[in-house]
Amino acid sequence: IRTIPLGRPVSGRISSPFGKRTDPVNKKKGFHEGVDIKGKKGDKIRATASGKVIKAFKNGGYGNYVKIDHGNGYVTAFGHMQSYLVKKGEFVEQGQVIGQVGSSGRSTGPHLHYEILLNKKPINPTKFMKVAGMSHTFSSDQE
């Protein structure tokens, strides 16, 4: 079960949901492949499942960006981070701090862009976020 992304990667409210929306930067209609979670700069971002980091780099649009392969077709992606604390090839545990909330890349303010992909297709993370994978891990930013 630790390979299924459960719980919230960071506390905060969803400021932009999954699905059709008007882009906050260019005002064009499009499809948002994840959710944006409003946060404070520096808030801890945690892995929602154990897995292997397959990307950790500065991406143009998503800024500081991390992608984790959890196996069984599940992959999570995290964007607009102030910093990331993992590197490609590293194995992370569910609940491990992988970065900090920021506003890097094409962003209008501090938040986390969070995606879940299943078999390479984006799926709505909201229902997975409602499940407390490890409630003590995701309930606050305190360690």
N, C-alpha and C. Protein backbone atom coordinates (compact mmCIF):
# COMPACT_ATOMS: atom_id res chain seq x y z
N ILE A 1 0.82 -1.21 0.00
CA ILE A 1 0.00 0.00 0.00
C ILE A 1 0.87 1.27 0.00
N ARG A 2 2.10 1.18 0.45
CA ARG A 2 2.96 2.37 0.47
C ARG A 2 3.36 2.82 -0.93
N THR A 3 3.02 2.03 -1.95
CA THR A 3 3.34 2.43 -3.32
C THR A 3 2.15 3.09 -4.01
N ILE A 4 1.01 3.19 -3.33
CA ILE A 4 -0.13 3.93 -3.86
C ILE A 4 -0.10 5.31 -3.22
N PRO A 5 -0.07 6.39 -4.02
CA PRO A 5 0.03 7.74 -3.44
C PRO A 5 -1.22 8.14 -2.67
N LEU A 6 -1.10 8.18 -1.34
CA LEU A 6 -2.23 8.50 -0.47
C LEU A 6 -1.88 9.68 0.43
N GLY A 7 -2.90 10.46 0.77
CA GLY A 7 -2.70 11.61 1.65
C GLY A 7 -2.28 12.84 0.88
N ARG A 8 -2.01 13.89 1.62
CA ARG A 8 -1.64 15.18 1.03
C ARG A 8 -0.13 15.37 1.08
N PRO A 9 0.46 15.85 0.00
CA PRO A 9 1.90 16.10 0.02
C PRO A 9 2.28 17.33 0.84
N VAL A 10 1.32 18.22 1.04
CA VAL A 10 1.54 19.46 1.78
C VAL A 10 0.18 19.93 2.29
N SER A 11 0.18 20.60 3.44
CA SER A 11 -1.10 21.13 3.92
C SER A 11 -1.44 22.39 3.13
N GLY A 12 -2.68 22.75 3.09
CA GLY A 12 -3.13 23.93 2.34
C GLY A 12 -4.35 23.60 1.53
N ARG A 13 -5.01 24.64 1.05
CA ARG A 13 -6.24 24.42 0.28
C ARG A 13 -5.91 24.30 -1.21
N ILE A 14 -6.76 23.59 -1.92
CA ILE A 14 -6.60 23.46 -3.37
C ILE A 14 -7.03 24.78 -4.00
N SER A 15 -6.09 25.44 -4.68
CA SER A 15 -6.38 26.73 -5.30
C SER A 15 -6.76 26.59 -6.77
N SER A 16 -6.41 25.46 -7.37
CA SER A 16 -6.80 25.19 -8.76
C SER A 16 -6.99 23.69 -8.91
N PRO A 17 -8.21 23.25 -9.23
CA PRO A 17 -8.50 21.82 -9.28
C PRO A 17 -8.02 21.15 -10.57
N PHE A 18 -8.12 19.84 -10.58
CA PHE A 18 -7.84 18.99 -11.74
C PHE A 18 -8.93 19.21 -12.78
N GLY A 19 -8.55 19.21 -14.05
CA GLY A 19 -9.54 19.27 -15.12
C GLY A 19 -9.52 20.56 -15.90
N LYS A 20 -10.61 20.83 -16.60
CA LYS A 20 -10.71 22.02 -17.44
C LYS A 20 -10.66 23.27 -16.57
N ARG A 21 -9.89 24.26 -17.06
CA ARG A 21 -9.79 25.52 -16.32
C ARG A 21 -9.25 26.61 -17.24
N THR A 22 -9.30 27.84 -16.76
CA THR A 22 -8.65 28.96 -17.42
C THR A 22 -7.29 29.12 -16.76
N ASP A 23 -6.24 29.09 -17.55
CA ASP A 23 -4.88 29.21 -17.03
C ASP A 23 -4.71 30.57 -16.34
N PRO A 24 -4.19 30.59 -15.10
CA PRO A 24 -4.06 31.85 -14.37
C PRO A 24 -3.01 32.80 -14.95
N VAL A 25 -2.09 32.29 -15.76
CA VAL A 25 -1.03 33.13 -16.32
C VAL A 25 -1.42 33.67 -17.69
N ASN A 26 -1.77 32.76 -18.63
CA ASN A 26 -2.05 33.22 -20.00
C ASN A 26 -3.55 33.38 -20.29
N LYS A 27 -4.40 33.06 -19.33
CA LYS A 27 -5.86 33.22 -19.42
C LYS A 27 -6.51 32.36 -20.51
N LYS A 28 -5.79 31.37 -21.03
CA LYS A 28 -6.35 30.46 -22.04
C LYS A 28 -7.02 29.27 -21.37
N LYS A 29 -8.05 28.74 -22.03
CA LYS A 29 -8.71 27.54 -21.52
C LYS A 29 -7.84 26.33 -21.83
N GLY A 30 -7.79 25.40 -20.89
CA GLY A 30 -6.98 24.21 -21.10
C GLY A 30 -7.32 23.16 -20.07
N PHE A 31 -6.52 22.11 -20.02
CA PHE A 31 -6.75 21.02 -19.08
C PHE A 31 -5.61 21.00 -18.06
N HIS A 32 -5.95 21.10 -16.80
CA HIS A 32 -4.98 21.08 -15.70
C HIS A 32 -4.80 19.63 -15.27
N GLU A 33 -3.60 19.10 -15.46
CA GLU A 33 -3.35 17.67 -15.23
C GLU A 33 -3.05 17.32 -13.78
N GLY A 34 -3.17 18.28 -12.89
CA GLY A 34 -2.96 18.03 -11.47
C GLY A 34 -3.81 18.99 -10.67
N VAL A 35 -3.39 19.21 -9.42
CA VAL A 35 -4.03 20.22 -8.57
C VAL A 35 -2.95 21.16 -8.07
N ASP A 36 -3.34 22.40 -7.82
CA ASP A 36 -2.44 23.35 -7.19
C ASP A 36 -2.88 23.49 -5.75
N ILE A 37 -1.91 23.35 -4.84
CA ILE A 37 -2.19 23.46 -3.42
C ILE A 37 -1.46 24.69 -2.90
N LYS A 38 -2.23 25.65 -2.44
CA LYS A 38 -1.66 26.90 -1.92
C LYS A 38 -0.86 26.59 -0.66
N GLY A 39 0.28 27.25 -0.52
CA GLY A 39 1.11 27.05 0.66
C GLY A 39 1.95 28.27 0.94
N LYS A 40 2.74 28.16 2.00
CA LYS A 40 3.68 29.22 2.34
C LYS A 40 5.04 28.81 1.84
N LYS A 41 5.80 29.78 1.36
CA LYS A 41 7.15 29.50 0.88
C LYS A 41 7.92 28.79 1.99
N GLY A 42 8.51 27.65 1.64
CA GLY A 42 9.30 26.89 2.60
C GLY A 42 8.55 25.75 3.28
N ASP A 43 7.20 25.69 3.14
CA ASP A 43 6.45 24.56 3.71
C ASP A 43 7.02 23.25 3.17
N LYS A 44 7.07 22.24 4.01
CA LYS A 44 7.63 20.94 3.61
C LYS A 44 6.68 20.18 2.69
N ILE A 45 7.26 19.61 1.63
CA ILE A 45 6.52 18.77 0.69
C ILE A 45 6.98 17.34 0.93
N ARG A 46 6.02 16.42 1.08
CA ARG A 46 6.34 15.03 1.39
C ARG A 46 5.90 14.09 0.28
N ALA A 47 6.67 13.02 0.09
CA ALA A 47 6.30 11.97 -0.86
C ALA A 47 5.03 11.30 -0.34
N THR A 48 4.06 11.10 -1.22
CA THR A 48 2.80 10.48 -0.82
C THR A 48 2.83 8.96 -0.96
N ALA A 49 3.94 8.44 -1.47
CA ALA A 49 4.15 6.99 -1.55
C ALA A 49 5.65 6.75 -1.71
N SER A 50 6.09 5.56 -1.35
CA SER A 50 7.50 5.19 -1.52
C SER A 50 7.77 4.97 -3.00
N GLY A 51 9.00 5.23 -3.43
CA GLY A 51 9.35 5.00 -4.82
C GLY A 51 10.71 5.55 -5.18
N LYS A 52 11.00 5.49 -6.48
CA LYS A 52 12.30 5.93 -7.00
C LYS A 52 12.14 7.26 -7.73
N VAL A 53 12.99 8.22 -7.40
CA VAL A 53 12.99 9.52 -8.06
C VAL A 53 13.48 9.33 -9.49
N ILE A 54 12.64 9.67 -10.46
CA ILE A 54 13.04 9.51 -11.86
C ILE A 54 13.39 10.86 -12.51
N LYS A 55 12.99 11.96 -11.87
CA LYS A 55 13.38 13.29 -12.33
C LYS A 55 13.50 14.20 -11.12
N ALA A 56 14.52 15.04 -11.13
CA ALA A 56 14.70 16.09 -10.12
C ALA A 56 15.56 17.15 -10.78
N PHE A 57 14.92 18.19 -11.28
CA PHE A 57 15.65 19.20 -12.04
C PHE A 57 14.83 20.48 -12.16
N LYS A 58 15.44 21.51 -12.73
CA LYS A 58 14.74 22.77 -12.98
C LYS A 58 14.10 22.68 -14.36
N ASN A 59 12.77 22.67 -14.38
CA ASN A 59 11.98 22.57 -15.60
C ASN A 59 11.48 23.98 -15.90
N GLY A 60 11.45 24.39 -17.14
CA GLY A 60 11.01 25.74 -17.48
C GLY A 60 9.69 26.14 -16.84
N GLY A 61 8.59 25.53 -17.27
CA GLY A 61 7.27 25.90 -16.78
C GLY A 61 6.99 25.52 -15.34
N TYR A 62 7.43 24.33 -14.95
CA TYR A 62 7.17 23.85 -13.59
C TYR A 62 8.25 24.25 -12.59
N GLY A 63 9.28 24.94 -13.03
CA GLY A 63 10.35 25.34 -12.12
C GLY A 63 11.03 24.13 -11.52
N ASN A 64 11.35 24.20 -10.24
CA ASN A 64 11.97 23.06 -9.56
C ASN A 64 10.94 21.94 -9.49
N TYR A 65 11.33 20.78 -10.04
CA TYR A 65 10.37 19.72 -10.36
C TYR A 65 10.92 18.35 -9.96
N VAL A 66 10.06 17.53 -9.37
CA VAL A 66 10.43 16.16 -8.98
C VAL A 66 9.35 15.21 -9.48
N LYS A 67 9.78 14.06 -9.99
CA LYS A 67 8.85 13.01 -10.44
C LYS A 67 9.31 11.71 -9.79
N ILE A 68 8.36 10.97 -9.20
CA ILE A 68 8.66 9.73 -8.48
C ILE A 68 7.84 8.58 -9.08
N ASP A 69 8.53 7.47 -9.38
CA ASP A 69 7.88 6.25 -9.87
C ASP A 69 7.64 5.33 -8.68
N HIS A 70 6.38 5.00 -8.44
CA HIS A 70 6.01 4.18 -7.29
C HIS A 70 5.76 2.72 -7.66
N GLY A 71 5.89 2.38 -8.92
CA GLY A 71 5.60 1.02 -9.37
C GLY A 71 4.11 0.84 -9.61
N ASN A 72 3.73 -0.30 -10.16
CA ASN A 72 2.32 -0.61 -10.45
C ASN A 72 1.64 0.46 -11.29
N GLY A 73 2.41 1.21 -12.09
CA GLY A 73 1.85 2.23 -12.97
C GLY A 73 1.68 3.60 -12.35
N TYR A 74 1.90 3.74 -11.03
CA TYR A 74 1.72 5.03 -10.36
C TYR A 74 2.99 5.87 -10.39
N VAL A 75 2.81 7.15 -10.77
CA VAL A 75 3.89 8.13 -10.77
C VAL A 75 3.30 9.42 -10.19
N THR A 76 4.07 10.12 -9.36
CA THR A 76 3.65 11.43 -8.87
C THR A 76 4.63 12.48 -9.36
N ALA A 77 4.13 13.71 -9.54
CA ALA A 77 4.96 14.82 -9.99
C ALA A 77 4.67 16.04 -9.12
N PHE A 78 5.71 16.80 -8.84
CA PHE A 78 5.65 17.95 -7.94
C PHE A 78 6.34 19.13 -8.62
N GLY A 79 5.65 20.27 -8.74
CA GLY A 79 6.24 21.40 -9.44
C GLY A 79 6.14 22.70 -8.67
N HIS A 80 6.91 23.69 -9.14
CA HIS A 80 6.97 25.06 -8.60
C HIS A 80 7.61 25.12 -7.22
N MET A 81 8.44 24.14 -6.89
CA MET A 81 9.05 24.09 -5.57
C MET A 81 10.14 25.16 -5.41
N GLN A 82 10.31 25.62 -4.19
CA GLN A 82 11.42 26.53 -3.86
C GLN A 82 12.73 25.78 -4.02
N SER A 83 12.73 24.54 -3.53
CA SER A 83 13.91 23.68 -3.67
C SER A 83 13.46 22.23 -3.57
N TYR A 84 14.28 21.35 -4.14
CA TYR A 84 14.03 19.92 -3.97
C TYR A 84 15.22 19.32 -3.23
N LEU A 85 14.92 18.30 -2.42
CA LEU A 85 15.91 17.73 -1.51
C LEU A 85 16.27 16.30 -1.87
N VAL A 86 15.94 15.89 -3.08
CA VAL A 86 16.22 14.53 -3.54
C VAL A 86 16.92 14.61 -4.89
N LYS A 87 17.49 13.48 -5.31
CA LYS A 87 18.14 13.46 -6.62
C LYS A 87 17.67 12.25 -7.41
N LYS A 88 17.83 12.34 -8.73
CA LYS A 88 17.44 11.26 -9.62
C LYS A 88 18.12 9.97 -9.20
N GLY A 89 17.34 8.88 -9.16
CA GLY A 89 17.87 7.57 -8.79
C GLY A 89 17.72 7.24 -7.31
N GLU A 90 17.42 8.24 -6.50
CA GLU A 90 17.27 8.04 -5.06
C GLU A 90 15.93 7.36 -4.75
N PHE A 91 15.92 6.49 -3.75
CA PHE A 91 14.69 5.86 -3.29
C PHE A 91 14.16 6.69 -2.13
N VAL A 92 12.87 7.02 -2.16
CA VAL A 92 12.25 7.80 -1.08
C VAL A 92 11.15 6.98 -0.43
N GLU A 93 10.95 7.24 0.84
CA GLU A 93 9.90 6.58 1.61
C GLU A 93 8.66 7.46 1.66
N GLN A 94 7.50 6.83 1.79
CA GLN A 94 6.26 7.58 1.98
C GLN A 94 6.42 8.48 3.20
N GLY A 95 6.10 9.76 3.06
CA GLY A 95 6.20 10.71 4.16
C GLY A 95 7.52 11.46 4.22
N GLN A 96 8.51 11.03 3.44
CA GLN A 96 9.81 11.70 3.43
C GLN A 96 9.69 13.09 2.82
N VAL A 97 10.36 14.07 3.42
CA VAL A 97 10.38 15.43 2.87
C VAL A 97 11.23 15.41 1.60
N ILE A 98 10.63 15.86 0.49
CA ILE A 98 11.33 15.85 -0.79
C ILE A 98 11.62 17.26 -1.31
N GLY A 99 11.02 18.27 -0.68
CA GLY A 99 11.24 19.64 -1.14
C GLY A 99 10.45 20.64 -0.31
N GLN A 100 10.46 21.89 -0.81
CA GLN A 100 9.78 22.98 -0.12
C GLN A 100 8.90 23.75 -1.11
N VAL A 101 7.76 24.21 -0.62
CA VAL A 101 6.84 24.99 -1.44
C VAL A 101 7.53 26.28 -1.89
N GLY A 102 7.28 26.65 -3.13
CA GLY A 102 7.85 27.88 -3.66
C GLY A 102 6.98 28.43 -4.78
N SER A 103 7.61 29.20 -5.64
CA SER A 103 6.90 29.81 -6.77
C SER A 103 7.81 29.83 -7.99
N SER A 104 8.60 28.77 -8.17
CA SER A 104 9.53 28.71 -9.30
C SER A 104 8.79 28.39 -10.60
N GLY A 105 9.39 28.75 -11.71
CA GLY A 105 8.77 28.49 -13.01
C GLY A 105 7.65 29.46 -13.31
N ARG A 106 6.69 29.02 -14.10
CA ARG A 106 5.55 29.84 -14.50
C ARG A 106 4.49 29.76 -13.41
N SER A 107 4.54 30.69 -12.48
CA SER A 107 3.73 30.60 -11.27
C SER A 107 3.25 31.99 -10.85
N THR A 108 2.11 32.04 -10.18
CA THR A 108 1.56 33.32 -9.72
C THR A 108 1.72 33.53 -8.22
N GLY A 109 2.35 32.58 -7.52
CA GLY A 109 2.54 32.70 -6.08
C GLY A 109 2.89 31.35 -5.49
N PRO A 110 3.28 31.31 -4.21
CA PRO A 110 3.71 30.05 -3.59
C PRO A 110 2.62 28.99 -3.57
N HIS A 111 2.92 27.86 -4.18
CA HIS A 111 2.00 26.73 -4.20
C HIS A 111 2.75 25.50 -4.69
N LEU A 112 2.10 24.35 -4.55
CA LEU A 112 2.63 23.11 -5.10
C LEU A 112 1.70 22.64 -6.21
N HIS A 113 2.27 22.36 -7.38
CA HIS A 113 1.51 21.68 -8.44
C HIS A 113 1.76 20.20 -8.21
N TYR A 114 0.69 19.42 -8.02
CA TYR A 114 0.81 18.00 -7.68
C TYR A 114 0.00 17.17 -8.67
N GLU A 115 0.65 16.17 -9.26
CA GLU A 115 0.00 15.28 -10.22
C GLU A 115 0.16 13.82 -9.79
N ILE A 116 -0.85 13.03 -10.12
CA ILE A 116 -0.74 11.57 -10.05
C ILE A 116 -1.02 11.05 -11.44
N LEU A 117 -0.12 10.20 -11.93
CA LEU A 117 -0.32 9.54 -13.22
C LEU A 117 -0.48 8.05 -12.97
N LEU A 118 -1.39 7.44 -13.70
CA LEU A 118 -1.58 5.99 -13.64
C LEU A 118 -1.45 5.49 -15.07
N ASN A 119 -0.46 4.63 -15.28
CA ASN A 119 -0.16 4.13 -16.63
C ASN A 119 0.02 5.28 -17.62
N LYS A 120 0.77 6.29 -17.18
CA LYS A 120 1.16 7.47 -17.98
C LYS A 120 0.03 8.45 -18.26
N LYS A 121 -1.14 8.25 -17.65
CA LYS A 121 -2.26 9.16 -17.86
C LYS A 121 -2.56 9.90 -16.56
N PRO A 122 -2.75 11.23 -16.63
CA PRO A 122 -3.07 11.98 -15.41
C PRO A 122 -4.44 11.60 -14.87
N ILE A 123 -4.51 11.42 -13.55
CA ILE A 123 -5.78 11.13 -12.88
C ILE A 123 -5.98 12.16 -11.78
N ASN A 124 -7.22 12.34 -11.37
CA ASN A 124 -7.53 13.34 -10.35
C ASN A 124 -6.95 12.94 -8.99
N PRO A 125 -6.01 13.74 -8.46
CA PRO A 125 -5.39 13.39 -7.18
C PRO A 125 -6.29 13.60 -5.96
N THR A 126 -7.39 14.34 -6.14
CA THR A 126 -8.22 14.73 -4.99
C THR A 126 -8.70 13.54 -4.17
N LYS A 127 -9.19 12.49 -4.83
CA LYS A 127 -9.71 11.34 -4.07
C LYS A 127 -8.59 10.62 -3.31
N PHE A 128 -7.38 10.62 -3.85
CA PHE A 128 -6.24 10.01 -3.17
C PHE A 128 -5.80 10.86 -1.98
N MET A 129 -5.95 12.18 -2.11
CA MET A 129 -5.55 13.10 -1.04
C MET A 129 -6.48 13.00 0.16
N LYS A 130 -7.72 12.55 -0.08
CA LYS A 130 -8.70 12.44 1.01
C LYS A 130 -8.44 11.22 1.88
N VAL A 131 -7.64 10.28 1.39
CA VAL A 131 -7.31 9.07 2.15
C VAL A 131 -6.07 9.37 2.97
N ALA A 132 -6.14 9.13 4.26
CA ALA A 132 -4.98 9.37 5.12
C ALA A 132 -4.03 8.20 5.00
N GLY A 133 -3.05 8.30 4.13
CA GLY A 133 -2.07 7.23 3.95
C GLY A 133 -1.31 6.99 5.23
N MET A 134 -0.83 8.05 5.80
CA MET A 134 -0.14 8.02 7.09
C MET A 134 -0.50 9.36 7.72
N SER A 135 -1.62 9.43 8.40
CA SER A 135 -2.17 10.70 8.84
C SER A 135 -1.19 11.55 9.63
N HIS A 136 -0.36 10.93 10.45
CA HIS A 136 0.59 11.73 11.23
C HIS A 136 1.63 12.38 10.33
N THR A 137 1.89 11.79 9.18
CA THR A 137 2.89 12.34 8.27
C THR A 137 2.37 13.54 7.52
N PHE A 138 1.11 13.51 7.11
CA PHE A 138 0.60 14.53 6.22
C PHE A 138 -0.28 15.57 6.92
N SER A 139 -0.49 15.45 8.21
CA SER A 139 -1.43 16.35 8.87
C SER A 139 -0.84 17.72 9.18
N SER A 140 0.48 17.83 9.21
CA SER A 140 1.08 19.14 9.49
C SER A 140 2.47 19.20 8.90
N ASP A 141 3.06 20.37 9.01
CA ASP A 141 4.41 20.55 8.50
C ASP A 141 5.45 20.37 9.60
N GLN A 142 5.02 19.92 10.75
CA GLN A 142 5.95 19.71 11.87
C GLN A 142 6.63 18.36 11.74
N GLU A 143 7.87 18.28 12.13
CA GLU A 143 8.58 16.99 12.09
C GLU A 143 8.67 16.42 13.48
